[in-house]
Amino acid sequence: MSTVKKSKGKFGTYLTIGTTLFAAFSNIKKVRSAKGDNDTLQLVDGLIRVAAVATGVALLVRELREATDDDILTD
């Protein structure tokens, strides 16, 4: 089984970044709610989710930069 990585293109990458950031705001609300309820387990869960979203956005930005660099190199 081979794995071929397909590029989403710039628009797809921007759309993915937008939806990922939307998820980040949802998780931030969850963290605030957990802090208000003094629920440590929910707080840890929310913080881990926020960290995962931040990592995902960083990966998408890197993908976008690499796509831009490839476009510059092919001109």
Protein backbone atom coordinates (compact mmCIF):
# COMPACT_ATOMS: atom_id res chain seq x y z
CA MET A 1 0.00 0.00 0.00
CA SER A 2 1.56 3.28 -1.06
CA THR A 3 0.86 6.61 0.53
CA VAL A 4 0.72 9.55 -1.80
CA LYS A 5 0.39 12.96 -0.23
CA LYS A 6 -1.95 15.19 -2.19
CA SER A 7 -1.71 18.93 -1.88
CA LYS A 8 -4.89 20.77 -0.95
CA GLY A 9 -3.81 23.94 -2.67
CA LYS A 10 -3.71 27.37 -1.11
CA PHE A 11 -7.47 27.78 -0.77
CA GLY A 12 -7.89 24.39 0.88
CA THR A 13 -5.06 25.11 3.29
CA TYR A 14 -6.53 28.49 4.24
CA LEU A 15 -9.93 26.87 4.74
CA THR A 16 -8.41 24.19 6.95
CA ILE A 17 -6.58 26.83 9.01
CA GLY A 18 -9.86 28.72 9.46
CA THR A 19 -11.81 25.70 10.62
CA THR A 20 -8.96 24.68 12.93
CA LEU A 21 -8.92 28.13 14.52
CA PHE A 22 -12.68 27.88 14.99
CA ALA A 23 -12.07 24.66 16.91
CA ALA A 24 -9.48 26.49 19.01
CA PHE A 25 -12.05 29.06 20.13
CA SER A 26 -14.43 26.26 21.08
CA ASN A 27 -11.70 24.62 23.16
CA ILE A 28 -10.79 27.91 24.84
CA LYS A 29 -14.42 28.25 25.93
CA LYS A 30 -14.19 24.73 27.36
CA VAL A 31 -11.04 25.67 29.32
CA ARG A 32 -12.71 28.78 30.74
CA SER A 33 -15.76 26.78 31.76
CA ALA A 34 -13.59 24.16 33.45
CA LYS A 35 -11.69 26.84 35.36
CA GLY A 36 -14.97 28.33 36.56
CA ASP A 37 -16.23 24.93 37.70
CA ASN A 38 -12.86 24.03 39.28
CA ASP A 39 -12.86 20.81 37.23
CA THR A 40 -9.22 19.84 36.92
CA LEU A 41 -9.78 16.92 34.56
CA GLN A 42 -11.81 19.03 32.12
CA LEU A 43 -9.19 21.78 32.38
CA VAL A 44 -6.35 19.41 31.49
CA ASP A 45 -8.41 17.96 28.63
CA GLY A 46 -9.11 21.43 27.26
CA LEU A 47 -5.48 22.50 27.50
CA ILE A 48 -4.32 19.38 25.67
CA ARG A 49 -6.88 20.04 22.94
CA VAL A 50 -5.73 23.66 22.60
CA ALA A 51 -2.13 22.46 22.30
CA ALA A 52 -3.15 19.97 19.60
CA VAL A 53 -4.95 22.70 17.67
CA ALA A 54 -1.91 24.99 17.93
CA THR A 55 0.31 22.22 16.60
CA GLY A 56 -2.13 21.58 13.74
CA VAL A 57 -2.16 25.24 12.76
CA ALA A 58 1.65 25.34 12.85
CA LEU A 59 1.80 22.33 10.52
CA LEU A 60 -0.69 23.92 8.13
CA VAL A 61 1.25 27.19 8.07
CA ARG A 62 4.42 25.26 7.30
CA GLU A 63 2.61 23.45 4.47
CA LEU A 64 1.42 26.79 3.12
CA ARG A 65 4.94 28.24 3.25
CA GLU A 66 6.38 25.21 1.47
CA ALA A 67 3.73 25.49 -1.23
CA THR A 68 4.57 29.18 -1.63
CA ASP A 69 8.30 28.40 -1.81
CA ASP A 70 7.61 25.77 -4.48
CA ASP A 71 5.60 28.31 -6.47
CA ILE A 72 8.47 30.80 -6.31
CA LEU A 73 10.99 28.18 -7.38
CA THR A 74 8.94 27.14 -10.42
CA ASP A 75 8.55 30.68 -11.77
